[in-house]
Amino acid sequence: MAVLDDVKALLGIDDEDNKLNTIITLTESRLKTLLGASEVPSTLEYIVTEVAIARFNRIGSEGLSGHTVEGEALTFRDNDFEAYADDIQAWRDAQESGQDIGRIRFL
């Protein structure tokens, strides 16, 4: 799985396959729902990679929206996909207008 390898490489971990696969599966499911698609298009796989990393890094801190210790503050987003909303909308707009970005169609 390419996304799993990307996530592991970026996190520098080797023995977390089950946990990462679960995070990736859930992230893909959520993105497919947001896209209204049955599969995550390859052009948007980077979203799965980046959101999966963010979710992995928050393990143990689920539900925490902010934390401050000795001047260091941590704040988590409510919606992991918020930063990618424009990309998701652009993909949806292209699908609705019938454009197949990066594909050639012969009629």
PDB file of N, CA and C in Angstrom:
ATOM      1  N   MET A   1       0.854  -1.180   0.000  1.00  0.00           N
ATOM      2  CA  MET A   1       0.000   0.000   0.000  1.00  0.00           C
ATOM      3  C   MET A   1       0.894   1.235   0.000  1.00  0.00           C
ATOM      4  N   ALA A   2       0.787   2.057  -1.015  1.00  0.00           N
ATOM      5  CA  ALA A   2       1.653   3.212  -1.180  1.00  0.00           C
ATOM      6  C   ALA A   2       1.456   4.242  -0.068  1.00  0.00           C
ATOM      7  N   VAL A   3       0.224   4.485   0.322  1.00  0.00           N
ATOM      8  CA  VAL A   3      -0.039   5.476   1.369  1.00  0.00           C
ATOM      9  C   VAL A   3       0.591   5.019   2.679  1.00  0.00           C
ATOM     10  N   LEU A   4       0.467   3.727   3.006  1.00  0.00           N
ATOM     11  CA  LEU A   4       1.060   3.200   4.235  1.00  0.00           C
ATOM     12  C   LEU A   4       2.566   3.427   4.225  1.00  0.00           C
ATOM     13  N   ASP A   5       3.219   3.153   3.117  1.00  0.00           N
ATOM     14  CA  ASP A   5       4.665   3.357   3.033  1.00  0.00           C
ATOM     15  C   ASP A   5       5.035   4.826   3.189  1.00  0.00           C
ATOM     16  N   ASP A   6       4.247   5.717   2.593  1.00  0.00           N
ATOM     17  CA  ASP A   6       4.496   7.155   2.727  1.00  0.00           C
ATOM     18  C   ASP A   6       4.360   7.610   4.172  1.00  0.00           C
ATOM     19  N   VAL A   7       3.298   7.163   4.832  1.00  0.00           N
ATOM     20  CA  VAL A   7       3.052   7.552   6.220  1.00  0.00           C
ATOM     21  C   VAL A   7       4.176   7.032   7.112  1.00  0.00           C
ATOM     22  N   LYS A   8       4.553   5.763   6.948  1.00  0.00           N
ATOM     23  CA  LYS A   8       5.625   5.172   7.759  1.00  0.00           C
ATOM     24  C   LYS A   8       6.945   5.908   7.534  1.00  0.00           C
ATOM     25  N   ALA A   9       7.235   6.252   6.292  1.00  0.00           N
ATOM     26  CA  ALA A   9       8.476   6.958   5.993  1.00  0.00           C
ATOM     27  C   ALA A   9       8.504   8.327   6.653  1.00  0.00           C
ATOM     28  N   LEU A  10       7.395   9.043   6.588  1.00  0.00           N
ATOM     29  CA  LEU A  10       7.345  10.378   7.173  1.00  0.00           C
ATOM     30  C   LEU A  10       7.392  10.348   8.694  1.00  0.00           C
ATOM     31  N   LEU A  11       6.836   9.291   9.301  1.00  0.00           N
ATOM     32  CA  LEU A  11       6.823   9.181  10.762  1.00  0.00           C
ATOM     33  C   LEU A  11       8.061   8.480  11.300  1.00  0.00           C
ATOM     34  N   GLY A  12       8.814   7.808  10.427  1.00  0.00           N
ATOM     35  CA  GLY A  12      10.001   7.090  10.855  1.00  0.00           C
ATOM     36  C   GLY A  12       9.691   5.903  11.746  1.00  0.00           C
ATOM     37  N   ILE A  13       8.636   5.154  11.415  1.00  0.00           N
ATOM     38  CA  ILE A  13       8.243   4.001  12.228  1.00  0.00           C
ATOM     39  C   ILE A  13       8.166   2.759  11.358  1.00  0.00           C
ATOM     40  N   ASP A  14       8.294   1.580  11.989  1.00  0.00           N
ATOM     41  CA  ASP A  14       8.245   0.333  11.238  1.00  0.00           C
ATOM     42  C   ASP A  14       7.191  -0.643  11.742  1.00  0.00           C
ATOM     43  N   ASP A  15       6.918  -0.679  13.023  1.00  0.00           N
ATOM     44  CA  ASP A  15       6.097  -1.741  13.606  1.00  0.00           C
ATOM     45  C   ASP A  15       4.686  -1.312  13.980  1.00  0.00           C
ATOM     46  N   GLU A  16       4.107  -0.415  13.261  1.00  0.00           N
ATOM     47  CA  GLU A  16       2.773   0.089  13.583  1.00  0.00           C
ATOM     48  C   GLU A  16       1.780  -0.170  12.455  1.00  0.00           C
ATOM     49  N   ASP A  17       1.987  -1.232  11.664  1.00  0.00           N
ATOM     50  CA  ASP A  17       1.158  -1.469  10.479  1.00  0.00           C
ATOM     51  C   ASP A  17      -0.334  -1.563  10.779  1.00  0.00           C
ATOM     52  N   ASN A  18      -0.719  -2.327  11.794  1.00  0.00           N
ATOM     53  CA  ASN A  18      -2.149  -2.490  12.085  1.00  0.00           C
ATOM     54  C   ASN A  18      -2.803  -1.162  12.444  1.00  0.00           C
ATOM     55  N   LYS A  19      -2.146  -0.399  13.300  1.00  0.00           N
ATOM     56  CA  LYS A  19      -2.689   0.895  13.710  1.00  0.00           C
ATOM     57  C   LYS A  19      -2.768   1.842  12.513  1.00  0.00           C
ATOM     58  N   LEU A  20      -1.700   1.879  11.721  1.00  0.00           N
ATOM     59  CA  LEU A  20      -1.678   2.763  10.563  1.00  0.00           C
ATOM     60  C   LEU A  20      -2.699   2.351   9.516  1.00  0.00           C
ATOM     61  N   ASN A  21      -2.849   1.061   9.284  1.00  0.00           N
ATOM     62  CA  ASN A  21      -3.844   0.603   8.314  1.00  0.00           C
ATOM     63  C   ASN A  21      -5.247   1.009   8.741  1.00  0.00           C
ATOM     64  N   THR A  22      -5.526   0.934  10.037  1.00  0.00           N
ATOM     65  CA  THR A  22      -6.838   1.356  10.537  1.00  0.00           C
ATOM     66  C   THR A  22      -7.036   2.848  10.328  1.00  0.00           C
ATOM     67  N   ILE A  23      -6.027   3.640  10.656  1.00  0.00           N
ATOM     68  CA  ILE A  23      -6.114   5.094  10.464  1.00  0.00           C
ATOM     69  C   ILE A  23      -6.307   5.417   8.988  1.00  0.00           C
ATOM     70  N   ILE A  24      -5.544   4.766   8.122  1.00  0.00           N
ATOM     71  CA  ILE A  24      -5.644   5.021   6.680  1.00  0.00           C
ATOM     72  C   ILE A  24      -7.017   4.628   6.155  1.00  0.00           C
ATOM     73  N   THR A  25      -7.532   3.479   6.583  1.00  0.00           N
ATOM     74  CA  THR A  25      -8.853   3.030   6.137  1.00  0.00           C
ATOM     75  C   THR A  25      -9.939   4.015   6.551  1.00  0.00           C
ATOM     76  N   LEU A  26      -9.882   4.464   7.800  1.00  0.00           N
ATOM     77  CA  LEU A  26     -10.870   5.430   8.277  1.00  0.00           C
ATOM     78  C   LEU A  26     -10.743   6.767   7.553  1.00  0.00           C
ATOM     79  N   THR A  27      -9.519   7.199   7.312  1.00  0.00           N
ATOM     80  CA  THR A  27      -9.280   8.460   6.606  1.00  0.00           C
ATOM     81  C   THR A  27      -9.788   8.373   5.173  1.00  0.00           C
ATOM     82  N   GLU A  28      -9.503   7.253   4.501  1.00  0.00           N
ATOM     83  CA  GLU A  28     -10.002   7.071   3.138  1.00  0.00           C
ATOM     84  C   GLU A  28     -11.525   7.053   3.104  1.00  0.00           C
ATOM     85  N   SER A  29     -12.138   6.387   4.071  1.00  0.00           N
ATOM     86  CA  SER A  29     -13.597   6.332   4.123  1.00  0.00           C
ATOM     87  C   SER A  29     -14.197   7.716   4.269  1.00  0.00           C
ATOM     88  N   ARG A  30     -13.623   8.514   5.143  1.00  0.00           N
ATOM     89  CA  ARG A  30     -14.124   9.877   5.353  1.00  0.00           C
ATOM     90  C   ARG A  30     -13.944  10.728   4.100  1.00  0.00           C
ATOM     91  N   LEU A  31     -12.775  10.603   3.460  1.00  0.00           N
ATOM     92  CA  LEU A  31     -12.528  11.384   2.253  1.00  0.00           C
ATOM     93  C   LEU A  31     -13.469  10.964   1.128  1.00  0.00           C
ATOM     94  N   LYS A  32     -13.710   9.662   0.979  1.00  0.00           N
ATOM     95  CA  LYS A  32     -14.655   9.194  -0.043  1.00  0.00           C
ATOM     96  C   LYS A  32     -16.044   9.772   0.203  1.00  0.00           C
ATOM     97  N   THR A  33     -16.437   9.873   1.464  1.00  0.00           N
ATOM     98  CA  THR A  33     -17.724  10.472   1.799  1.00  0.00           C
ATOM     99  C   THR A  33     -17.748  11.948   1.403  1.00  0.00           C
ATOM    100  N   LEU A  34     -16.682  12.661   1.718  1.00  0.00           N
ATOM    101  CA  LEU A  34     -16.607  14.084   1.371  1.00  0.00           C
ATOM    102  C   LEU A  34     -16.614  14.298  -0.141  1.00  0.00           C
ATOM    103  N   LEU A  35     -15.995  13.369  -0.867  1.00  0.00           N
ATOM    104  CA  LEU A  35     -15.930  13.481  -2.320  1.00  0.00           C
ATOM    105  C   LEU A  35     -17.200  12.992  -2.997  1.00  0.00           C
ATOM    106  N   GLY A  36     -17.957  12.135  -2.298  1.00  0.00           N
ATOM    107  CA  GLY A  36     -19.092  11.497  -2.928  1.00  0.00           C
ATOM    108  C   GLY A  36     -18.629  10.495  -3.969  1.00  0.00           C
ATOM    109  N   ALA A  37     -17.505   9.835  -3.687  1.00  0.00           N
ATOM    110  CA  ALA A  37     -16.898   8.893  -4.637  1.00  0.00           C
ATOM    111  C   ALA A  37     -16.738   7.527  -3.985  1.00  0.00           C
ATOM    112  N   SER A  38     -16.599   6.516  -4.817  1.00  0.00           N
ATOM    113  CA  SER A  38     -16.414   5.163  -4.290  1.00  0.00           C
ATOM    114  C   SER A  38     -14.939   4.841  -4.058  1.00  0.00           C
ATOM    115  N   GLU A  39     -14.051   5.616  -4.639  1.00  0.00           N
ATOM    116  CA  GLU A  39     -12.611   5.449  -4.466  1.00  0.00           C
ATOM    117  C   GLU A  39     -11.960   6.820  -4.321  1.00  0.00           C
ATOM    118  N   VAL A  40     -10.826   6.855  -3.632  1.00  0.00           N
ATOM    119  CA  VAL A  40     -10.053   8.094  -3.540  1.00  0.00           C
ATOM    120  C   VAL A  40      -9.234   8.209  -4.823  1.00  0.00           C
ATOM    121  N   PRO A  41      -9.412   9.284  -5.584  1.00  0.00           N
ATOM    122  CA  PRO A  41      -8.626   9.444  -6.807  1.00  0.00           C
ATOM    123  C   PRO A  41      -7.149   9.607  -6.479  1.00  0.00           C
ATOM    124  N   SER A  42      -6.294   9.102  -7.347  1.00  0.00           N
ATOM    125  CA  SER A  42      -4.852   9.160  -7.091  1.00  0.00           C
ATOM    126  C   SER A  42      -4.357  10.593  -6.920  1.00  0.00           C
ATOM    127  N   THR A  43      -5.015  11.549  -7.558  1.00  0.00           N
ATOM    128  CA  THR A  43      -4.594  12.942  -7.440  1.00  0.00           C
ATOM    129  C   THR A  43      -4.845  13.519  -6.042  1.00  0.00           C
ATOM    130  N   LEU A  44      -5.685  12.841  -5.246  1.00  0.00           N
ATOM    131  CA  LEU A  44      -5.986  13.323  -3.893  1.00  0.00           C
ATOM    132  C   LEU A  44      -5.451  12.397  -2.800  1.00  0.00           C
ATOM    133  N   GLU A  45      -4.632  11.405  -3.154  1.00  0.00           N
ATOM    134  CA  GLU A  45      -4.078  10.498  -2.151  1.00  0.00           C
ATOM    135  C   GLU A  45      -3.206  11.207  -1.128  1.00  0.00           C
ATOM    136  N   TYR A  46      -2.618  12.337  -1.519  1.00  0.00           N
ATOM    137  CA  TYR A  46      -1.792  13.085  -0.573  1.00  0.00           C
ATOM    138  C   TYR A  46      -2.604  13.529   0.641  1.00  0.00           C
ATOM    139  N   ILE A  47      -3.897  13.750   0.454  1.00  0.00           N
ATOM    140  CA  ILE A  47      -4.755  14.138   1.574  1.00  0.00           C
ATOM    141  C   ILE A  47      -4.829  12.998   2.582  1.00  0.00           C
ATOM    142  N   VAL A  48      -4.981  11.772   2.099  1.00  0.00           N
ATOM    143  CA  VAL A  48      -5.017  10.614   2.993  1.00  0.00           C
ATOM    144  C   VAL A  48      -3.706  10.522   3.760  1.00  0.00           C
ATOM    145  N   THR A  49      -2.586  10.690   3.072  1.00  0.00           N
ATOM    146  CA  THR A  49      -1.271  10.607   3.717  1.00  0.00           C
ATOM    147  C   THR A  49      -1.144  11.647   4.823  1.00  0.00           C
ATOM    148  N   GLU A  50      -1.450  12.887   4.516  1.00  0.00           N
ATOM    149  CA  GLU A  50      -1.252  13.961   5.487  1.00  0.00           C
ATOM    150  C   GLU A  50      -2.222  13.884   6.661  1.00  0.00           C
ATOM    151  N   VAL A  51      -3.481  13.554   6.394  1.00  0.00           N
ATOM    152  CA  VAL A  51      -4.461  13.437   7.474  1.00  0.00           C
ATOM    153  C   VAL A  51      -4.133  12.223   8.351  1.00  0.00           C
ATOM    154  N   ALA A  52      -3.681  11.125   7.745  1.00  0.00           N
ATOM    155  CA  ALA A  52      -3.312   9.941   8.519  1.00  0.00           C
ATOM    156  C   ALA A  52      -2.153  10.260   9.468  1.00  0.00           C
ATOM    157  N   ILE A  53      -1.191  11.025   9.010  1.00  0.00           N
ATOM    158  CA  ILE A  53      -0.066  11.418   9.870  1.00  0.00           C
ATOM    159  C   ILE A  53      -0.563  12.274  11.029  1.00  0.00           C
ATOM    160  N   ALA A  54      -1.430  13.228  10.732  1.00  0.00           N
ATOM    161  CA  ALA A  54      -1.974  14.091  11.789  1.00  0.00           C
ATOM    162  C   ALA A  54      -2.737  13.259  12.820  1.00  0.00           C
ATOM    163  N   ARG A  55      -3.529  12.309  12.351  1.00  0.00           N
ATOM    164  CA  ARG A  55      -4.301  11.464  13.267  1.00  0.00           C
ATOM    165  C   ARG A  55      -3.390  10.562  14.087  1.00  0.00           C
ATOM    166  N   PHE A  56      -2.350  10.008  13.481  1.00  0.00           N
ATOM    167  CA  PHE A  56      -1.410   9.165  14.218  1.00  0.00           C
ATOM    168  C   PHE A  56      -0.738   9.979  15.327  1.00  0.00           C
ATOM    169  N   ASN A  57      -0.334  11.182  14.996  1.00  0.00           N
ATOM    170  CA  ASN A  57       0.357  12.032  15.974  1.00  0.00           C
ATOM    171  C   ASN A  57      -0.541  12.453  17.128  1.00  0.00           C
ATOM    172  N   ARG A  58      -1.842  12.355  16.951  1.00  0.00           N
ATOM    173  CA  ARG A  58      -2.783  12.729  18.011  1.00  0.00           C
ATOM    174  C   ARG A  58      -3.224  11.544  18.863  1.00  0.00           C
ATOM    175  N   ILE A  59      -2.757  10.339  18.571  1.00  0.00           N
ATOM    176  CA  ILE A  59      -3.172   9.176  19.360  1.00  0.00           C
ATOM    177  C   ILE A  59      -2.861   9.442  20.829  1.00  0.00           C
ATOM    178  N   GLY A  60      -3.862   9.234  21.652  1.00  0.00           N
ATOM    179  CA  GLY A  60      -3.737   9.508  23.081  1.00  0.00           C
ATOM    180  C   GLY A  60      -4.233  10.892  23.452  1.00  0.00           C
ATOM    181  N   SER A  61      -4.465  11.724  22.446  1.00  0.00           N
ATOM    182  CA  SER A  61      -4.938  13.085  22.700  1.00  0.00           C
ATOM    183  C   SER A  61      -6.259  13.340  22.000  1.00  0.00           C
ATOM    184  N   GLU A  62      -6.990  12.277  21.659  1.00  0.00           N
ATOM    185  CA  GLU A  62      -8.261  12.436  20.975  1.00  0.00           C
ATOM    186  C   GLU A  62      -9.208  13.276  21.818  1.00  0.00           C
ATOM    187  N   GLY A  63      -9.892  14.165  21.159  1.00  0.00           N
ATOM    188  CA  GLY A  63     -10.856  15.012  21.855  1.00  0.00           C
ATOM    189  C   GLY A  63     -10.248  16.271  22.448  1.00  0.00           C
ATOM    190  N   LEU A  64      -8.937  16.341  22.496  1.00  0.00           N
ATOM    191  CA  LEU A  64      -8.256  17.512  23.042  1.00  0.00           C
ATOM    192  C   LEU A  64      -8.268  18.616  21.999  1.00  0.00           C
ATOM    193  N   SER A  65      -8.756  19.787  22.360  1.00  0.00           N
ATOM    194  CA  SER A  65      -8.758  20.886  21.400  1.00  0.00           C
ATOM    195  C   SER A  65      -7.655  21.893  21.702  1.00  0.00           C
ATOM    196  N   GLY A  66      -7.135  21.882  22.918  1.00  0.00           N
ATOM    197  CA  GLY A  66      -6.043  22.777  23.262  1.00  0.00           C
ATOM    198  C   GLY A  66      -5.366  22.332  24.537  1.00  0.00           C
ATOM    199  N   HIS A  67      -4.057  22.619  24.636  1.00  0.00           N
ATOM    200  CA  HIS A  67      -3.285  22.213  25.804  1.00  0.00           C
ATOM    201  C   HIS A  67      -2.096  23.159  25.924  1.00  0.00           C
ATOM    202  N   THR A  68      -1.862  23.698  27.101  1.00  0.00           N
ATOM    203  CA  THR A  68      -0.741  24.597  27.318  1.00  0.00           C
ATOM    204  C   THR A  68       0.048  24.139  28.528  1.00  0.00           C
ATOM    205  N   VAL A  69       1.365  24.006  28.337  1.00  0.00           N
ATOM    206  CA  VAL A  69       2.263  23.650  29.428  1.00  0.00           C
ATOM    207  C   VAL A  69       3.497  24.531  29.319  1.00  0.00           C
ATOM    208  N   GLU A  70       3.753  25.314  30.362  1.00  0.00           N
ATOM    209  CA  GLU A  70       4.935  26.168  30.447  1.00  0.00           C
ATOM    210  C   GLU A  70       5.180  26.951  29.160  1.00  0.00           C
ATOM    211  N   GLY A  71       4.159  27.568  28.640  1.00  0.00           N
ATOM    212  CA  GLY A  71       4.291  28.421  27.469  1.00  0.00           C
ATOM    213  C   GLY A  71       4.181  27.701  26.139  1.00  0.00           C
ATOM    214  N   GLU A  72       4.212  26.370  26.144  1.00  0.00           N
ATOM    215  CA  GLU A  72       4.043  25.619  24.903  1.00  0.00           C
ATOM    216  C   GLU A  72       2.562  25.280  24.750  1.00  0.00           C
ATOM    217  N   ALA A  73       1.992  25.639  23.607  1.00  0.00           N
ATOM    218  CA  ALA A  73       0.565  25.412  23.387  1.00  0.00           C
ATOM    219  C   ALA A  73       0.354  24.457  22.218  1.00  0.00           C
ATOM    220  N   LEU A  74      -0.545  23.509  22.412  1.00  0.00           N
ATOM    221  CA  LEU A  74      -0.956  22.589  21.362  1.00  0.00           C
ATOM    222  C   LEU A  74      -2.437  22.776  21.110  1.00  0.00           C
ATOM    223  N   THR A  75      -2.802  22.924  19.861  1.00  0.00           N
ATOM    224  CA  THR A  75      -4.206  23.060  19.489  1.00  0.00           C
ATOM    225  C   THR A  75      -4.447  22.175  18.275  1.00  0.00           C
ATOM    226  N   PHE A  76      -5.531  21.395  18.321  1.00  0.00           N
ATOM    227  CA  PHE A  76      -5.852  20.496  17.223  1.00  0.00           C
ATOM    228  C   PHE A  76      -7.088  21.004  16.497  1.00  0.00           C
ATOM    229  N   ARG A  77      -7.133  20.736  15.209  1.00  0.00           N
ATOM    230  CA  ARG A  77      -8.291  21.109  14.397  1.00  0.00           C
ATOM    231  C   ARG A  77      -9.480  20.221  14.743  1.00  0.00           C
ATOM    232  N   ASP A  78     -10.663  20.775  14.581  1.00  0.00           N
ATOM    233  CA  ASP A  78     -11.874  19.977  14.736  1.00  0.00           C
ATOM    234  C   ASP A  78     -12.100  19.107  13.506  1.00  0.00           C
ATOM    235  N   ASN A  79     -11.669  19.590  12.342  1.00  0.00           N
ATOM    236  CA  ASN A  79     -11.886  18.898  11.084  1.00  0.00           C
ATOM    237  C   ASN A  79     -10.545  18.739  10.382  1.00  0.00           C
ATOM    238  N   ASP A  80     -10.036  17.518  10.326  1.00  0.00           N
ATOM    239  CA  ASP A  80      -8.737  17.260   9.712  1.00  0.00           C
ATOM    240  C   ASP A  80      -8.709  17.598   8.226  1.00  0.00           C
ATOM    241  N   PHE A  81      -9.852  17.627   7.592  1.00  0.00           N
ATOM    242  CA  PHE A  81      -9.915  17.858   6.154  1.00  0.00           C
ATOM    243  C   PHE A  81     -10.107  19.345   5.810  1.00  0.00           C
ATOM    244  N   GLU A  82     -10.212  20.189   6.810  1.00  0.00           N
ATOM    245  CA  GLU A  82     -10.461  21.620   6.585  1.00  0.00           C
ATOM    246  C   GLU A  82      -9.401  22.259   5.696  1.00  0.00           C
ATOM    247  N   ALA A  83      -8.144  21.906   5.901  1.00  0.00           N
ATOM    248  CA  ALA A  83      -7.061  22.496   5.111  1.00  0.00           C
ATOM    249  C   ALA A  83      -7.134  22.100   3.637  1.00  0.00           C
ATOM    250  N   TYR A  84      -7.875  21.042   3.346  1.00  0.00           N
ATOM    251  CA  TYR A  84      -7.966  20.526   1.981  1.00  0.00           C
ATOM    252  C   TYR A  84      -9.328  20.795   1.350  1.00  0.00           C
ATOM    253  N   ALA A  85     -10.130  21.615   1.988  1.00  0.00           N
ATOM    254  CA  ALA A  85     -11.493  21.882   1.510  1.00  0.00           C
ATOM    255  C   ALA A  85     -11.504  22.429   0.089  1.00  0.00           C
ATOM    256  N   ASP A  86     -10.575  23.314  -0.244  1.00  0.00           N
ATOM    257  CA  ASP A  86     -10.542  23.867  -1.606  1.00  0.00           C
ATOM    258  C   ASP A  86     -10.209  22.792  -2.635  1.00  0.00           C
ATOM    259  N   ASP A  87      -9.265  21.901  -2.300  1.00  0.00           N
ATOM    260  CA  ASP A  87      -8.890  20.828  -3.218  1.00  0.00           C
ATOM    261  C   ASP A  87     -10.052  19.846  -3.415  1.00  0.00           C
ATOM    262  N   ILE A  88     -10.718  19.523  -2.325  1.00  0.00           N
ATOM    263  CA  ILE A  88     -11.862  18.612  -2.392  1.00  0.00           C
ATOM    264  C   ILE A  88     -12.972  19.237  -3.232  1.00  0.00           C
ATOM    265  N   GLN A  89     -13.250  20.511  -3.001  1.00  0.00           N
ATOM    266  CA  GLN A  89     -14.308  21.189  -3.765  1.00  0.00           C
ATOM    267  C   GLN A  89     -13.938  21.298  -5.235  1.00  0.00           C
ATOM    268  N   ALA A  90     -12.676  21.566  -5.540  1.00  0.00           N
ATOM    269  CA  ALA A  90     -12.248  21.649  -6.939  1.00  0.00           C
ATOM    270  C   ALA A  90     -12.443  20.313  -7.638  1.00  0.00           C
ATOM    271  N   TRP A  91     -12.128  19.213  -6.958  1.00  0.00           N
ATOM    272  CA  TRP A  91     -12.326  17.889  -7.542  1.00  0.00           C
ATOM    273  C   TRP A  91     -13.811  17.627  -7.775  1.00  0.00           C
ATOM    274  N   ARG A  92     -14.627  17.960  -6.773  1.00  0.00           N
ATOM    275  CA  ARG A  92     -16.075  17.745  -6.909  1.00  0.00           C
ATOM    276  C   ARG A  92     -16.649  18.587  -8.042  1.00  0.00           C
ATOM    277  N   ASP A  93     -16.201  19.852  -8.140  1.00  0.00           N
ATOM    278  CA  ASP A  93     -16.679  20.722  -9.212  1.00  0.00           C
ATOM    279  C   ASP A  93     -16.320  20.148 -10.581  1.00  0.00           C
ATOM    280  N   ALA A  94     -15.105  19.625 -10.697  1.00  0.00           N
ATOM    281  CA  ALA A  94     -14.667  19.045 -11.965  1.00  0.00           C
ATOM    282  C   ALA A  94     -15.509  17.819 -12.314  1.00  0.00           C
ATOM    283  N   GLN A  95     -15.870  17.030 -11.324  1.00  0.00           N
ATOM    284  CA  GLN A  95     -16.691  15.841 -11.567  1.00  0.00           C
ATOM    285  C   GLN A  95     -18.108  16.239 -11.979  1.00  0.00           C
ATOM    286  N   GLU A  96     -18.643  17.244 -11.316  1.00  0.00           N
ATOM    287  CA  GLU A  96     -20.012  17.677 -11.616  1.00  0.00           C
ATOM    288  C   GLU A  96     -20.126  18.332 -12.980  1.00  0.00           C
ATOM    289  N   SER A  97     -19.040  18.990 -13.415  1.00  0.00           N
ATOM    290  CA  SER A  97     -19.098  19.648 -14.725  1.00  0.00           C
ATOM    291  C   SER A  97     -18.753  18.688 -15.855  1.00  0.00           C
ATOM    292  N   GLY A  98     -18.441  17.444 -15.487  1.00  0.00           N
ATOM    293  CA  GLY A  98     -18.157  16.441 -16.510  1.00  0.00           C
ATOM    294  C   GLY A  98     -16.735  16.446 -16.992  1.00  0.00           C
ATOM    295  N   GLN A  99     -15.883  17.217 -16.355  1.00  0.00           N
ATOM    296  CA  GLN A  99     -14.484  17.251 -16.752  1.00  0.00           C
ATOM    297  C   GLN A  99     -13.759  16.076 -16.110  1.00  0.00           C
ATOM    298  N   ASP A 100     -13.001  15.382 -16.895  1.00  0.00           N
ATOM    299  CA  ASP A 100     -12.137  14.334 -16.376  1.00  0.00           C
ATOM    300  C   ASP A 100     -10.712  14.866 -16.442  1.00  0.00           C
ATOM    301  N   ILE A 101     -10.247  15.406 -15.362  1.00  0.00           N
ATOM    302  CA  ILE A 101      -8.926  16.015 -15.321  1.00  0.00           C
ATOM    303  C   ILE A 101      -7.875  14.933 -15.518  1.00  0.00           C
ATOM    304  N   GLY A 102      -6.978  15.158 -16.478  1.00  0.00           N
ATOM    305  CA  GLY A 102      -5.895  14.224 -16.693  1.00  0.00           C
ATOM    306  C   GLY A 102      -6.279  12.992 -17.498  1.00  0.00           C
ATOM    307  N   ARG A 103      -7.426  12.996 -18.122  1.00  0.00           N
ATOM    308  CA  ARG A 103      -7.874  11.857 -18.913  1.00  0.00           C
ATOM    309  C   ARG A 103      -8.247  12.310 -20.312  1.00  0.00           C
ATOM    310  N   ILE A 104      -8.080  11.406 -21.241  1.00  0.00           N
ATOM    311  CA  ILE A 104      -8.503  11.673 -22.621  1.00  0.00           C
ATOM    312  C   ILE A 104      -9.716  10.807 -22.883  1.00  0.00           C
ATOM    313  N   ARG A 105     -10.735  11.413 -23.411  1.00  0.00           N
ATOM    314  CA  ARG A 105     -11.970  10.662 -23.705  1.00  0.00           C
ATOM    315  C   ARG A 105     -12.203  10.696 -25.208  1.00  0.00           C
ATOM    316  N   PHE A 106     -12.416   9.519 -25.769  1.00  0.00           N
ATOM    317  CA  PHE A 106     -12.749   9.410 -27.186  1.00  0.00           C
ATOM    318  C   PHE A 106     -14.220   9.020 -27.272  1.00  0.00           C
ATOM    319  N   LEU A 107     -14.960   9.758 -28.032  1.00  0.00           N
ATOM    320  CA  LEU A 107     -16.384   9.484 -28.192  1.00  0.00           C
ATOM    321  C   LEU A 107     -16.683   8.898 -29.541  1.00  0.00           C
TER     322      LEU A 107
END
